[in-house]
Protein backbone atom coordinates (compact mmCIF):
# COMPACT_ATOMS: atom_id res chain seq x y z
CA MET A 1 136.92 -191.01 -103.40
CA ALA A 2 137.59 -188.42 -100.69
CA ALA A 3 137.42 -191.12 -98.04
CA MET A 4 139.90 -193.24 -100.02
CA ASN A 5 142.28 -190.29 -100.29
CA ARG A 6 142.10 -189.66 -96.54
CA SER A 7 142.72 -193.33 -95.89
CA ALA A 8 145.74 -193.33 -98.19
CA ALA A 9 147.10 -190.21 -96.49
CA MET A 10 146.76 -191.81 -93.06
CA SER A 11 148.24 -195.17 -94.04
CA PRO A 12 151.86 -194.26 -93.13
CA VAL A 13 150.67 -193.19 -89.67
CA VAL A 14 148.63 -196.35 -89.19
CA ALA A 15 151.56 -198.48 -90.35
CA VAL A 16 153.63 -197.27 -87.37
CA PRO A 17 152.80 -199.24 -84.19
CA PRO A 18 151.22 -197.08 -81.47
CA GLN A 19 153.98 -198.17 -79.09
CA ALA A 20 156.50 -196.47 -81.37
CA TRP A 21 154.59 -193.19 -81.19
CA PHE A 22 154.54 -193.53 -77.41
CA LEU A 23 158.32 -194.05 -77.25
CA VAL A 24 158.90 -190.89 -79.28
CA SER A 25 156.60 -189.04 -76.87
CA ALA A 26 158.46 -190.48 -73.86
CA VAL A 27 161.78 -189.17 -75.17
CA PHE A 28 160.54 -185.65 -75.85
CA HIS A 29 158.37 -185.55 -72.71
CA TYR A 30 161.52 -184.74 -70.70
CA LEU A 31 163.94 -183.63 -73.42
CA GLY A 32 162.17 -180.29 -73.75
CA PRO A 33 161.93 -179.70 -69.97
CA ALA A 34 165.62 -180.58 -69.55
CA PHE A 35 166.46 -177.73 -71.94
CA ALA A 36 163.82 -175.55 -70.26
CA VAL A 37 165.68 -175.79 -66.93
CA LEU A 38 168.65 -174.11 -68.61
CA LEU A 39 166.41 -171.17 -69.61
CA PHE A 40 164.89 -170.56 -66.17
CA PRO A 41 167.59 -168.09 -64.99
CA ALA A 42 167.29 -165.95 -68.12
CA VAL A 43 163.55 -166.06 -68.83
CA GLY A 44 161.89 -167.13 -65.58
CA VAL A 45 159.90 -170.26 -64.82
CA LEU A 46 156.51 -168.98 -65.90
CA GLY A 47 158.09 -167.16 -68.84
CA VAL A 48 159.42 -170.46 -70.17
CA ALA A 49 155.98 -172.04 -69.59
CA TRP A 50 154.47 -169.21 -71.64
CA PHE A 51 156.94 -169.79 -74.47
CA ARG A 52 156.19 -173.52 -74.40
CA ILE A 53 152.44 -173.05 -74.82
CA ALA A 54 152.65 -170.04 -77.15
CA ALA A 55 155.06 -171.77 -79.54
CA ALA A 56 152.89 -174.90 -79.63
CA ALA A 57 149.72 -172.87 -80.22
CA LEU A 58 151.35 -171.03 -83.13
CA VAL A 59 152.59 -174.27 -84.70
CA PHE A 60 149.15 -175.87 -84.42
CA ALA A 61 147.19 -172.81 -85.59
CA PRO A 62 147.59 -173.12 -89.40
CA ILE A 63 147.13 -176.90 -89.25
CA ALA A 64 144.29 -177.25 -86.78
CA ARG A 65 142.53 -173.89 -87.35
CA PRO A 66 141.33 -173.86 -83.73
CA TRP A 67 138.78 -171.08 -84.23
CA ARG A 68 136.89 -173.21 -86.77
CA VAL A 69 137.09 -176.31 -84.58
CA PHE A 70 135.64 -174.44 -81.60
CA VAL A 71 132.86 -172.79 -83.60
CA ALA A 72 131.85 -176.09 -85.24
CA ALA A 73 131.86 -178.02 -81.94
CA ASP A 74 128.70 -178.78 -80.01
CA ARG A 75 128.25 -177.81 -76.37
CA THR A 76 129.70 -181.05 -74.95
CA GLU A 77 132.76 -180.88 -77.16
CA ARG A 78 133.36 -177.23 -76.29
CA TRP A 79 133.44 -178.12 -72.60
CA LEU A 80 135.90 -180.90 -73.44
CA LEU A 81 138.15 -178.46 -75.32
CA LEU A 82 137.94 -175.90 -72.52
CA GLY A 83 138.78 -178.57 -69.96
CA MET A 84 141.75 -179.80 -71.98
CA GLY A 85 143.02 -176.26 -72.55
CA ALA A 86 142.82 -175.38 -68.86
CA THR A 87 144.51 -178.67 -67.97
CA LEU A 88 147.39 -178.04 -70.37
CA ALA A 89 147.94 -174.53 -69.00
CA LEU A 90 147.87 -175.56 -65.33
CA MET A 91 149.83 -178.77 -65.88
CA ASN A 92 152.69 -177.09 -67.74
CA CYS A 93 152.99 -174.26 -65.22
CA SER A 94 152.92 -176.57 -62.20
CA PHE A 95 155.42 -178.93 -63.86
CA TYR A 96 157.93 -176.13 -64.46
CA LEU A 97 157.41 -174.71 -60.96
CA ALA A 98 158.16 -178.21 -59.63
CA ILE A 99 161.32 -178.91 -61.65
CA ALA A 100 162.64 -175.46 -60.74
CA ARG A 101 162.75 -176.67 -57.11
CA LEU A 102 163.14 -180.46 -57.30
CA PRO A 103 165.24 -182.98 -59.27
CA LEU A 104 163.67 -183.94 -62.59
CA SER A 105 163.69 -187.65 -61.66
CA LEU A 106 161.67 -187.01 -58.48
CA VAL A 107 159.06 -184.93 -60.33
CA ALA A 108 158.86 -187.67 -62.97
CA ALA A 109 158.29 -190.30 -60.29
CA ILE A 110 155.49 -188.30 -58.67
CA GLU A 111 153.97 -187.73 -62.11
CA PHE A 112 154.03 -191.50 -62.64
CA VAL A 113 152.25 -192.33 -59.36
CA GLY A 114 148.93 -190.90 -60.46
CA VAL A 115 148.62 -193.07 -63.55
CA ILE A 116 149.05 -196.31 -61.56
CA GLY A 117 145.37 -196.12 -60.65
CA LEU A 118 144.37 -195.76 -64.30
CA ALA A 119 146.47 -198.76 -65.23
CA PHE A 120 145.17 -200.96 -62.41
CA TYR A 121 141.57 -200.00 -63.15
CA GLY A 122 141.66 -201.04 -66.79
CA LEU A 123 144.08 -203.98 -66.98
CA ARG A 124 142.03 -207.17 -67.42
CA THR A 125 144.63 -209.92 -67.87
CA GLN A 126 146.99 -211.50 -65.38
CA ARG A 127 149.89 -210.99 -67.81
CA ASN A 128 149.33 -207.24 -67.85
CA ARG A 129 148.96 -207.08 -64.07
CA VAL A 130 152.32 -208.83 -63.74
CA ALA A 131 153.81 -206.37 -66.24
CA LEU A 132 152.49 -203.44 -64.19
CA SER A 133 153.92 -204.93 -60.97
CA ILE A 134 157.37 -205.28 -62.58
CA ALA A 135 157.18 -201.73 -63.91
CA VAL A 136 156.20 -200.32 -60.50
CA ALA A 137 159.05 -202.23 -58.83
CA GLY A 138 161.46 -200.94 -61.46
CA VAL A 139 160.39 -197.35 -60.86
CA PHE A 140 160.90 -197.71 -57.11
CA VAL A 141 164.34 -199.18 -57.72
CA LEU A 142 165.05 -196.32 -60.09
CA ILE A 143 164.02 -193.42 -57.84
CA ARG A 144 164.84 -194.95 -54.41
CA ILE A 145 161.99 -192.89 -52.89
CA ARG A 146 164.15 -189.78 -52.52
CA TRP A 147 162.02 -187.04 -51.03
CA SER A 148 162.68 -183.36 -50.46
CA SER A 149 162.23 -180.79 -47.72
CA ASP A 150 160.92 -178.28 -50.27
CA LEU A 151 157.21 -178.45 -49.47
CA ALA A 152 156.28 -175.93 -52.17
CA GLY A 153 158.12 -177.96 -54.77
CA LEU A 154 156.39 -181.16 -53.64
CA ALA A 155 153.01 -179.41 -53.74
CA TRP A 156 153.60 -178.32 -57.34
CA ALA A 157 154.84 -181.81 -58.25
CA PHE A 158 151.72 -183.50 -56.85
CA ALA A 159 149.49 -180.92 -58.52
CA ASN A 160 151.24 -181.70 -61.80
CA GLY A 161 150.74 -185.44 -61.19
CA ALA A 162 147.00 -185.00 -60.67
CA LEU A 163 146.70 -182.81 -63.75
CA PHE A 164 148.69 -185.35 -65.78
CA VAL A 165 146.08 -188.01 -64.97
CA LEU A 166 143.39 -185.59 -66.13
CA TYR A 167 145.39 -184.94 -69.31
CA VAL A 168 145.48 -188.68 -70.06
CA MET A 169 141.72 -189.04 -69.50
CA LEU A 170 140.75 -186.00 -71.58
CA GLY A 171 143.39 -186.78 -74.19
CA HIS A 172 141.86 -190.20 -74.77
CA ARG A 173 138.41 -188.70 -75.21
CA ILE A 174 139.80 -186.25 -77.77
CA ALA A 175 141.76 -188.97 -79.58
CA ARG A 176 138.64 -191.12 -79.96
CA THR A 177 136.82 -188.37 -81.87
CA GLY A 178 138.88 -189.20 -84.96
CA ASN A 179 140.20 -185.61 -85.25
CA GLY A 180 142.38 -185.59 -82.18
CA ILE A 181 145.21 -183.42 -83.48
CA GLU A 182 142.81 -180.68 -84.65
CA ARG A 183 141.11 -180.67 -81.27
CA LEU A 184 144.49 -180.69 -79.54
CA GLY A 185 145.37 -177.56 -81.50
CA ALA A 186 142.14 -175.89 -80.38
CA ALA A 187 142.84 -176.88 -76.75
CA MET A 188 146.38 -175.46 -77.03
CA ALA A 189 144.97 -172.13 -78.22
CA ILE A 190 142.70 -172.08 -75.16
CA ALA A 191 145.72 -172.90 -72.98
CA LEU A 192 147.55 -169.90 -74.44
CA VAL A 193 144.67 -167.61 -73.51
CA ALA A 194 144.71 -169.03 -69.98
CA VAL A 195 148.47 -168.74 -69.46
CA PHE A 196 148.95 -165.38 -71.21
CA PRO A 197 148.47 -163.07 -68.21
CA VAL A 198 150.49 -165.38 -65.96
CA GLY A 199 153.65 -165.71 -68.04
CA ILE A 200 153.84 -162.78 -70.45
CA VAL A 201 155.64 -160.47 -67.98
CA GLN A 202 158.54 -162.88 -67.52
CA ALA A 203 158.52 -163.92 -71.18
CA MET A 204 159.02 -160.27 -72.24
CA ARG A 205 162.57 -160.48 -70.86
CA ALA A 206 163.53 -162.62 -73.86
CA PHE A 207 161.96 -160.48 -76.58
CA THR A 208 165.11 -158.37 -76.99
CA HIS A 209 167.32 -161.46 -77.29
CA PRO A 210 166.58 -163.43 -80.50
CA MET A 211 168.53 -166.50 -79.32
CA LEU A 212 166.40 -166.73 -76.18
CA VAL A 213 163.23 -166.46 -78.28
CA LEU A 214 164.46 -169.24 -80.58
CA ALA A 215 165.35 -171.36 -77.56
CA GLY A 216 161.88 -170.81 -76.10
CA VAL A 217 160.27 -171.82 -79.39
CA GLY A 218 162.47 -174.92 -79.47
CA VAL A 219 161.35 -175.86 -75.97
CA GLY A 220 157.72 -175.49 -77.06
CA ILE A 221 158.16 -177.72 -80.10
CA CYS A 222 160.08 -180.37 -78.15
CA SER A 223 157.77 -180.26 -75.13
CA SER A 224 154.26 -179.62 -76.42
CA VAL A 225 154.11 -180.30 -80.16
CA ILE A 226 156.04 -183.52 -80.78
CA PRO A 227 155.04 -185.42 -77.60
CA TYR A 228 151.38 -184.35 -77.59
CA VAL A 229 150.91 -185.23 -81.26
CA CYS A 230 152.56 -188.61 -80.65
CA ASP A 231 150.32 -189.09 -77.61
CA GLN A 232 147.24 -188.54 -79.77
CA LEU A 233 148.48 -191.03 -82.37
CA ALA A 234 149.10 -193.62 -79.63
CA MET A 235 145.91 -192.91 -77.65
CA ALA A 236 143.76 -193.34 -80.75
CA ARG A 237 144.82 -197.01 -80.99
CA LEU A 238 145.63 -198.03 -77.41
CA PRO A 239 143.20 -198.67 -74.54
CA ARG A 240 143.55 -196.08 -71.79
CA ALA A 241 144.83 -198.65 -69.27
CA SER A 242 147.54 -199.83 -71.67
CA PHE A 243 148.62 -196.26 -72.32
CA ALA A 244 148.69 -195.61 -68.55
CA LEU A 245 150.85 -198.69 -67.98
CA MET A 246 153.29 -197.58 -70.66
CA LEU A 247 153.65 -194.26 -68.85
CA THR A 248 155.74 -196.12 -66.27
CA ILE A 249 158.60 -195.67 -68.74
CA LEU A 250 158.64 -191.91 -68.05
CA PRO A 251 160.88 -192.00 -64.94
CA ALA A 252 163.33 -194.15 -66.92
CA SER A 253 163.29 -191.74 -69.85
CA ALA A 254 163.76 -188.83 -67.42
CA THR A 255 166.87 -190.50 -65.99
CA ILE A 256 168.33 -191.10 -69.46
CA ILE A 257 167.57 -187.54 -70.64
CA ALA A 258 169.06 -186.10 -67.43
CA ALA A 259 172.24 -188.08 -68.08
CA ILE A 260 172.55 -186.84 -71.67
CA VAL A 261 171.51 -183.19 -71.25
CA LEU A 262 172.33 -182.39 -67.62
CA GLY A 263 175.27 -184.76 -67.12
CA GLN A 264 173.56 -186.76 -64.36
CA VAL A 265 175.00 -190.22 -65.12
CA PRO A 266 172.75 -193.07 -63.84
CA THR A 267 174.12 -195.47 -61.24
CA PRO A 268 174.04 -199.28 -61.66
CA ARG A 269 170.95 -199.32 -59.43
CA GLU A 270 169.20 -196.85 -61.72
CA MET A 271 170.18 -198.89 -64.77
CA THR A 272 168.61 -201.94 -63.11
CA GLY A 273 165.37 -200.01 -62.60
CA ILE A 274 165.37 -198.93 -66.24
CA ALA A 275 165.89 -202.54 -67.35
CA MET A 276 162.93 -203.69 -65.21
CA VAL A 277 160.66 -201.05 -66.73
CA MET A 278 161.74 -202.05 -70.24
CA ALA A 279 161.07 -205.72 -69.42
CA ALA A 280 157.57 -204.81 -68.24
CA MET A 281 156.89 -202.97 -71.49
CA ALA A 282 157.99 -206.05 -73.44
CA LEU A 283 155.75 -208.32 -71.34
CA HIS A 284 152.62 -206.18 -71.67
CA ARG A 285 150.06 -206.93 -74.36
CA PRO A 286 147.39 -204.30 -75.07
CA ALA A 287 143.80 -205.48 -75.01
CA GLU A 288 141.52 -204.70 -77.92
CA ALA A 289 140.12 -201.21 -77.62
CA ALA A 290 136.39 -201.02 -77.21
C-alpha cells in the first residue's frame, strides 16, 4: 500500500517529459545569475555566492533532512555526498567570480565546452551525433569565439566549466539512487559548510538591509533550488550523454536571459545560432537508459 501511495504521489512528476524539466532548468540556470550580477556591487561576489548556497540549503533542509540522509548513508554514499557538496561550493564561487569579470554569454560558452566530451562519449546513434554537430555549430555561431584579455576571469570560467562536468557526472549518480532530491539537499548542506568561511564576511553587508537579504534568497531559489531539482528529475530518466547534449542549449538560454534581464538584445547572427541549437534538440532522440 505504501509503495502504491508513493507511486501515485510521483505520477504527476513522471507524467512530465524529462526534456520539459531540463528546459525549466535551462531557463533558471542563468536567470538567477543575471539577477546576481546586479547584487555584486552591494553584497560582493562571494557574498552573493554565500546567499545562493545558504538559501538553497535552508529551503532543502526541512524537505531533505540532510543530517538523517548523511547518517543513514554508507561509506561510499557519504563520499559521493561530500564530493557533490564540495563541487557545488567551488562551482558556484568560480562561476560568480567569472561572470563578475566576463560577459555571461562567454562564461556560458566555456561552461558548455566541457560537456561536449560527455556527449560524444555516450552518443551511440548517427542521428544523435548529427544533432550534436548541429548544436556545436550553433553555439559557435552564437558566441563568435569572443575571448577576453582578463586572464583571471578566463581561469575562473574554465575552472567552472570543469566543475560543471563533475556536477553532471555526480548528479547522475545521485539521481540514479532513487532519492536524488534528498541527497541533493544533503550535498547542499555540505556546500554551505564549505562556503561559509569564504563568503560570510561579504554577505554580512546585506544583513542590515532586508531587501538585499530577500534579493539574495531569491537568487538562491532561482539559481540553486529550481534548476538543481529539475536537473535531478531530468537526470533520473535521461542517459548522461543525452543530458550532456541537451546542455548545448545553455549558451542560447544565456543569450535570451541577458536580453530580457540585462537589455543585451541578440543580433540576427545570435538568433541564427539559437535556432540551430533548437533544431538539434528537436533532432536528438535519447537512447534507453541502462
